[in-house]
């Protein structure tokens, strides 16, 4: 007896739902992604085997270049940045206009001494990018970098600090920074390094 062959039907897969889900996921990841800002200077960090991650918020950063200049990056919060600027202005006997305060909330990092900060804030964004900053003073006589950290902690004592130093930075420069942090009793901070590749 002959077998009855079942009739074959064309299989049709509706991909509409899959496409919708894909675009929703893509949109979600784009909107929630946090892009890292490039550093003010090119810094080659030393390598380590540490796998600890930096906190996402309330993080101040000190950059140390290979020629010994320091940059201070305050936290991202605009209103807290203005409070920090007011604290520094009071400490150094100066004042800033509302326009200068607004400009301070937008800068990537402080890389000039306090007596040059007003002039730097009055530059256009393009001129600020082209400006070769001398760095924030950090030596025996002038510890403005430590003042930035200390006044930031006065705004919010929960701030955390990360230090990103170039592999060619002279030890004396970094030692002076660590001693200054010790003097204000700020003993816990992160050192930013590159992850060593396992063999």
C-alpha atoms as a PDB file:
ATOM      1  CA  UNK A   1       0.000   0.000   0.000  1.00  0.00           C
ATOM      2  CA  UNK A   2       1.380   3.366  -0.993  1.00  0.00           C
ATOM      3  CA  UNK A   3       2.258   5.836   1.746  1.00  0.00           C
ATOM      4  CA  UNK A   4       0.408   9.070   1.781  1.00  0.00           C
ATOM      5  CA  UNK A   5       2.884  11.933   1.676  1.00  0.00           C
ATOM      6  CA  UNK A   6       1.879  14.797   3.888  1.00  0.00           C
ATOM      7  CA  UNK A   7       1.561  18.083   2.130  1.00  0.00           C
ATOM      8  CA  UNK A   8       4.572  20.349   2.797  1.00  0.00           C
ATOM      9  CA  UNK A   9       3.867  23.858   3.936  1.00  0.00           C
ATOM     10  CA  UNK A  10       6.285  26.714   3.536  1.00  0.00           C
ATOM     11  CA  UNK A  11       7.559  27.774   6.960  1.00  0.00           C
ATOM     12  CA  UNK A  12       7.287  31.505   7.489  1.00  0.00           C
ATOM     13  CA  UNK A  13       9.063  33.055  10.447  1.00  0.00           C
ATOM     14  CA  UNK A  14       7.895  36.498  11.447  1.00  0.00           C
ATOM     15  CA  UNK A  15      11.022  38.459  12.489  1.00  0.00           C
ATOM     16  CA  UNK A  16       9.170  41.608  13.500  1.00  0.00           C
ATOM     17  CA  UNK A  17       9.288  40.858  17.212  1.00  0.00           C
ATOM     18  CA  UNK A  18      12.980  39.910  17.079  1.00  0.00           C
ATOM     19  CA  UNK A  19      13.806  43.149  15.247  1.00  0.00           C
ATOM     20  CA  UNK A  20      11.862  45.193  17.796  1.00  0.00           C
ATOM     21  CA  UNK A  21      13.689  43.583  20.703  1.00  0.00           C
ATOM     22  CA  UNK A  22      17.072  44.079  19.005  1.00  0.00           C
ATOM     23  CA  UNK A  23      16.471  47.782  18.469  1.00  0.00           C
ATOM     24  CA  UNK A  24      15.152  48.229  22.006  1.00  0.00           C
ATOM     25  CA  UNK A  25      18.307  46.619  23.421  1.00  0.00           C
ATOM     26  CA  UNK A  26      20.536  48.693  21.155  1.00  0.00           C
ATOM     27  CA  UNK A  27      18.755  51.897  22.187  1.00  0.00           C
ATOM     28  CA  UNK A  28      19.013  50.957  25.862  1.00  0.00           C
ATOM     29  CA  UNK A  29      22.766  50.334  25.657  1.00  0.00           C
ATOM     30  CA  UNK A  30      23.409  53.542  23.729  1.00  0.00           C
ATOM     31  CA  UNK A  31      21.423  55.662  26.187  1.00  0.00           C
ATOM     32  CA  UNK A  32      22.922  54.129  29.325  1.00  0.00           C
ATOM     33  CA  UNK A  33      26.534  53.894  28.173  1.00  0.00           C
ATOM     34  CA  UNK A  34      29.059  56.160  29.876  1.00  0.00           C
ATOM     35  CA  UNK A  35      31.813  57.178  27.535  1.00  0.00           C
ATOM     36  CA  UNK A  36      35.242  57.821  29.007  1.00  0.00           C
ATOM     37  CA  UNK A  37      36.570  61.298  28.389  1.00  0.00           C
ATOM     38  CA  UNK A  38      40.068  61.487  27.008  1.00  0.00           C
ATOM     39  CA  UNK A  39      42.750  62.681  29.410  1.00  0.00           C
ATOM     40  CA  UNK A  40      44.039  66.235  29.253  1.00  0.00           C
ATOM     41  CA  UNK A  41      47.523  64.847  28.554  1.00  0.00           C
ATOM     42  CA  UNK A  42      48.705  61.524  27.166  1.00  0.00           C
ATOM     43  CA  UNK A  43      49.697  59.428  30.149  1.00  0.00           C
ATOM     44  CA  UNK A  44      51.206  55.957  29.985  1.00  0.00           C
ATOM     45  CA  UNK A  45      50.275  54.252  33.224  1.00  0.00           C
ATOM     46  CA  UNK A  46      52.287  51.423  34.766  1.00  0.00           C
ATOM     47  CA  UNK A  47      50.868  47.911  34.567  1.00  0.00           C
ATOM     48  CA  UNK A  48      49.599  45.790  37.435  1.00  0.00           C
ATOM     49  CA  UNK A  49      47.619  42.636  38.087  1.00  0.00           C
ATOM     50  CA  UNK A  50      44.915  44.397  40.121  1.00  0.00           C
ATOM     51  CA  UNK A  51      41.372  43.859  38.900  1.00  0.00           C
ATOM     52  CA  UNK A  52      39.623  46.372  41.168  1.00  0.00           C
ATOM     53  CA  UNK A  53      37.399  48.840  39.367  1.00  0.00           C
ATOM     54  CA  UNK A  54      37.142  52.552  40.093  1.00  0.00           C
ATOM     55  CA  UNK A  55      33.857  53.890  41.466  1.00  0.00           C
ATOM     56  CA  UNK A  56      31.570  55.517  38.881  1.00  0.00           C
ATOM     57  CA  UNK A  57      30.590  58.562  40.906  1.00  0.00           C
ATOM     58  CA  UNK A  58      32.062  61.019  43.413  1.00  0.00           C
ATOM     59  CA  UNK A  59      35.548  60.501  42.008  1.00  0.00           C
ATOM     60  CA  UNK A  60      38.257  63.168  41.874  1.00  0.00           C
ATOM     61  CA  UNK A  61      41.319  62.474  39.746  1.00  0.00           C
ATOM     62  CA  UNK A  62      44.895  63.731  39.898  1.00  0.00           C
ATOM     63  CA  UNK A  63      46.911  63.320  36.695  1.00  0.00           C
ATOM     64  CA  UNK A  64      50.695  63.402  36.834  1.00  0.00           C
ATOM     65  CA  UNK A  65      52.474  63.865  33.487  1.00  0.00           C
ATOM     66  CA  UNK A  66      55.902  62.511  32.590  1.00  0.00           C
ATOM     67  CA  UNK A  67      57.413  65.997  32.965  1.00  0.00           C
ATOM     68  CA  UNK A  68      56.021  66.393  36.495  1.00  0.00           C
ATOM     69  CA  UNK A  69      52.971  68.594  35.901  1.00  0.00           C
ATOM     70  CA  UNK A  70      49.773  67.928  37.836  1.00  0.00           C
ATOM     71  CA  UNK A  71      46.161  68.281  36.728  1.00  0.00           C
ATOM     72  CA  UNK A  72      43.171  68.067  39.048  1.00  0.00           C
ATOM     73  CA  UNK A  73      39.828  66.780  37.778  1.00  0.00           C
ATOM     74  CA  UNK A  74      36.959  67.592  40.151  1.00  0.00           C
ATOM     75  CA  UNK A  75      33.791  65.509  40.337  1.00  0.00           C
ATOM     76  CA  UNK A  76      31.252  65.894  37.515  1.00  0.00           C
ATOM     77  CA  UNK A  77      28.437  67.415  39.610  1.00  0.00           C
ATOM     78  CA  UNK A  78      28.027  71.045  38.441  1.00  0.00           C
ATOM     79  CA  UNK A  79      26.615  72.538  41.652  1.00  0.00           C
ATOM     80  CA  UNK A  80      29.290  70.865  43.767  1.00  0.00           C
ATOM     81  CA  UNK A  81      31.958  72.147  41.375  1.00  0.00           C
ATOM     82  CA  UNK A  82      30.700  75.687  41.943  1.00  0.00           C
ATOM     83  CA  UNK A  83      30.877  75.176  45.720  1.00  0.00           C
ATOM     84  CA  UNK A  84      34.445  73.919  45.303  1.00  0.00           C
ATOM     85  CA  UNK A  85      35.378  76.989  43.252  1.00  0.00           C
ATOM     86  CA  UNK A  86      33.819  79.252  45.907  1.00  0.00           C
ATOM     87  CA  UNK A  87      35.847  77.482  48.614  1.00  0.00           C
ATOM     88  CA  UNK A  88      39.086  77.925  46.659  1.00  0.00           C
ATOM     89  CA  UNK A  89      38.260  81.574  45.907  1.00  0.00           C
ATOM     90  CA  UNK A  90      37.696  82.232  49.600  1.00  0.00           C
ATOM     91  CA  UNK A  91      40.947  80.479  50.539  1.00  0.00           C
ATOM     92  CA  UNK A  92      42.969  82.437  47.971  1.00  0.00           C
ATOM     93  CA  UNK A  93      41.205  85.792  48.450  1.00  0.00           C
ATOM     94  CA  UNK A  94      39.661  86.099  45.006  1.00  0.00           C
ATOM     95  CA  UNK A  95      36.222  85.866  43.436  1.00  0.00           C
ATOM     96  CA  UNK A  96      34.685  84.552  40.241  1.00  0.00           C
ATOM     97  CA  UNK A  97      31.810  85.870  38.138  1.00  0.00           C
ATOM     98  CA  UNK A  98      28.775  83.743  37.314  1.00  0.00           C
ATOM     99  CA  UNK A  99      30.115  83.302  33.765  1.00  0.00           C
ATOM    100  CA  UNK A 100      33.447  82.053  35.120  1.00  0.00           C
ATOM    101  CA  UNK A 101      31.634  79.669  37.472  1.00  0.00           C
ATOM    102  CA  UNK A 102      29.587  78.324  34.552  1.00  0.00           C
ATOM    103  CA  UNK A 103      32.812  77.855  32.569  1.00  0.00           C
ATOM    104  CA  UNK A 104      34.352  76.006  35.532  1.00  0.00           C
ATOM    105  CA  UNK A 105      31.531  73.451  35.498  1.00  0.00           C
ATOM    106  CA  UNK A 106      32.450  72.601  31.884  1.00  0.00           C
ATOM    107  CA  UNK A 107      36.236  72.309  32.059  1.00  0.00           C
ATOM    108  CA  UNK A 108      37.772  68.870  31.968  1.00  0.00           C
ATOM    109  CA  UNK A 109      40.535  69.520  34.500  1.00  0.00           C
ATOM    110  CA  UNK A 110      42.273  72.296  36.410  1.00  0.00           C
ATOM    111  CA  UNK A 111      45.803  72.678  35.102  1.00  0.00           C
ATOM    112  CA  UNK A 112      46.771  76.206  36.107  1.00  0.00           C
ATOM    113  CA  UNK A 113      47.688  77.984  39.367  1.00  0.00           C
ATOM    114  CA  UNK A 114      44.924  79.913  41.121  1.00  0.00           C
ATOM    115  CA  UNK A 115      46.311  83.274  39.975  1.00  0.00           C
ATOM    116  CA  UNK A 116      45.825  82.168  36.324  1.00  0.00           C
ATOM    117  CA  UNK A 117      42.468  80.427  36.706  1.00  0.00           C
ATOM    118  CA  UNK A 118      40.295  83.500  35.962  1.00  0.00           C
ATOM    119  CA  UNK A 119      42.141  84.109  32.708  1.00  0.00           C
ATOM    120  CA  UNK A 120      41.883  80.442  31.746  1.00  0.00           C
ATOM    121  CA  UNK A 121      38.124  80.356  32.426  1.00  0.00           C
ATOM    122  CA  UNK A 122      37.622  83.431  30.224  1.00  0.00           C
ATOM    123  CA  UNK A 123      39.198  81.685  27.213  1.00  0.00           C
ATOM    124  CA  UNK A 124      36.961  80.115  24.577  1.00  0.00           C
ATOM    125  CA  UNK A 125      36.665  76.314  24.601  1.00  0.00           C
ATOM    126  CA  UNK A 126      38.922  76.038  21.559  1.00  0.00           C
ATOM    127  CA  UNK A 127      41.546  78.279  23.173  1.00  0.00           C
ATOM    128  CA  UNK A 128      41.343  76.226  26.383  1.00  0.00           C
ATOM    129  CA  UNK A 129      42.058  73.038  24.391  1.00  0.00           C
ATOM    130  CA  UNK A 130      45.019  74.668  22.639  1.00  0.00           C
ATOM    131  CA  UNK A 131      46.396  76.176  25.875  1.00  0.00           C
ATOM    132  CA  UNK A 132      49.560  74.484  27.214  1.00  0.00           C
ATOM    133  CA  UNK A 133      48.775  74.392  30.930  1.00  0.00           C
ATOM    134  CA  UNK A 134      51.686  74.719  33.362  1.00  0.00           C
ATOM    135  CA  UNK A 135      49.966  72.401  35.856  1.00  0.00           C
ATOM    136  CA  UNK A 136      48.662  72.924  39.367  1.00  0.00           C
ATOM    137  CA  UNK A 137      51.516  73.823  41.742  1.00  0.00           C
ATOM    138  CA  UNK A 138      52.601  71.036  44.070  1.00  0.00           C
ATOM    139  CA  UNK A 139      55.899  71.618  45.858  1.00  0.00           C
ATOM    140  CA  UNK A 140      57.203  72.435  49.337  1.00  0.00           C
ATOM    141  CA  UNK A 141      56.221  76.127  49.196  1.00  0.00           C
ATOM    142  CA  UNK A 142      53.014  75.926  47.171  1.00  0.00           C
ATOM    143  CA  UNK A 143      50.648  72.973  47.638  1.00  0.00           C
ATOM    144  CA  UNK A 144      47.654  74.151  45.619  1.00  0.00           C
ATOM    145  CA  UNK A 145      46.933  70.616  44.432  1.00  0.00           C
ATOM    146  CA  UNK A 146      46.398  69.493  48.015  1.00  0.00           C
ATOM    147  CA  UNK A 147      44.170  72.544  48.568  1.00  0.00           C
ATOM    148  CA  UNK A 148      41.978  71.420  45.656  1.00  0.00           C
ATOM    149  CA  UNK A 149      41.602  67.978  47.224  1.00  0.00           C
ATOM    150  CA  UNK A 150      41.005  69.396  50.706  1.00  0.00           C
ATOM    151  CA  UNK A 151      38.397  71.917  49.546  1.00  0.00           C
ATOM    152  CA  UNK A 152      36.650  69.188  47.521  1.00  0.00           C
ATOM    153  CA  UNK A 153      36.388  67.106  50.680  1.00  0.00           C
ATOM    154  CA  UNK A 154      34.942  70.151  52.446  1.00  0.00           C
ATOM    155  CA  UNK A 155      32.140  70.139  49.842  1.00  0.00           C
ATOM    156  CA  UNK A 156      31.545  66.397  50.226  1.00  0.00           C
ATOM    157  CA  UNK A 157      33.597  64.213  52.596  1.00  0.00           C
ATOM    158  CA  UNK A 158      32.490  61.082  50.692  1.00  0.00           C
ATOM    159  CA  UNK A 159      34.516  61.982  47.599  1.00  0.00           C
ATOM    160  CA  UNK A 160      37.089  59.442  46.505  1.00  0.00           C
ATOM    161  CA  UNK A 161      40.439  60.124  44.832  1.00  0.00           C
ATOM    162  CA  UNK A 162      42.291  58.339  42.040  1.00  0.00           C
ATOM    163  CA  UNK A 163      45.873  59.155  41.043  1.00  0.00           C
ATOM    164  CA  UNK A 164      46.934  58.505  37.454  1.00  0.00           C
ATOM    165  CA  UNK A 165      50.665  58.891  37.021  1.00  0.00           C
ATOM    166  CA  UNK A 166      52.858  58.406  33.999  1.00  0.00           C
ATOM    167  CA  UNK A 167      55.461  55.641  34.201  1.00  0.00           C
ATOM    168  CA  UNK A 168      58.187  58.254  33.584  1.00  0.00           C
ATOM    169  CA  UNK A 169      57.085  60.652  36.340  1.00  0.00           C
ATOM    170  CA  UNK A 170      59.940  61.299  38.755  1.00  0.00           C
ATOM    171  CA  UNK A 171      59.405  59.626  42.115  1.00  0.00           C
ATOM    172  CA  UNK A 172      60.043  62.860  44.054  1.00  0.00           C
ATOM    173  CA  UNK A 173      57.008  64.514  42.408  1.00  0.00           C
ATOM    174  CA  UNK A 174      54.665  61.670  43.317  1.00  0.00           C
ATOM    175  CA  UNK A 175      56.202  61.347  46.780  1.00  0.00           C
ATOM    176  CA  UNK A 176      55.449  65.037  47.406  1.00  0.00           C
ATOM    177  CA  UNK A 177      51.817  64.427  46.412  1.00  0.00           C
ATOM    178  CA  UNK A 178      51.478  61.430  48.728  1.00  0.00           C
ATOM    179  CA  UNK A 179      53.056  63.354  51.613  1.00  0.00           C
ATOM    180  CA  UNK A 180      50.667  66.252  51.006  1.00  0.00           C
ATOM    181  CA  UNK A 181      47.683  63.884  51.105  1.00  0.00           C
ATOM    182  CA  UNK A 182      49.063  62.403  54.313  1.00  0.00           C
ATOM    183  CA  UNK A 183      49.305  65.908  55.825  1.00  0.00           C
ATOM    184  CA  UNK A 184      45.548  66.429  55.355  1.00  0.00           C
ATOM    185  CA  UNK A 185      44.918  62.900  56.698  1.00  0.00           C
ATOM    186  CA  UNK A 186      43.624  61.587  53.365  1.00  0.00           C
ATOM    187  CA  UNK A 187      45.169  58.139  53.237  1.00  0.00           C
ATOM    188  CA  UNK A 188      42.876  56.063  51.000  1.00  0.00           C
ATOM    189  CA  UNK A 189      43.023  56.547  47.249  1.00  0.00           C
ATOM    190  CA  UNK A 190      43.343  54.512  44.061  1.00  0.00           C
ATOM    191  CA  UNK A 191      46.330  54.319  41.739  1.00  0.00           C
ATOM    192  CA  UNK A 192      45.205  53.926  38.132  1.00  0.00           C
ATOM    193  CA  UNK A 193      47.158  51.268  36.219  1.00  0.00           C
ATOM    194  CA  UNK A 194      46.899  49.217  33.058  1.00  0.00           C
ATOM    195  CA  UNK A 195      45.857  45.590  33.352  1.00  0.00           C
ATOM    196  CA  UNK A 196      48.762  43.208  32.760  1.00  0.00           C
ATOM    197  CA  UNK A 197      48.067  40.625  30.093  1.00  0.00           C
ATOM    198  CA  UNK A 198      48.420  37.067  31.393  1.00  0.00           C
ATOM    199  CA  UNK A 199      50.780  34.821  29.425  1.00  0.00           C
END
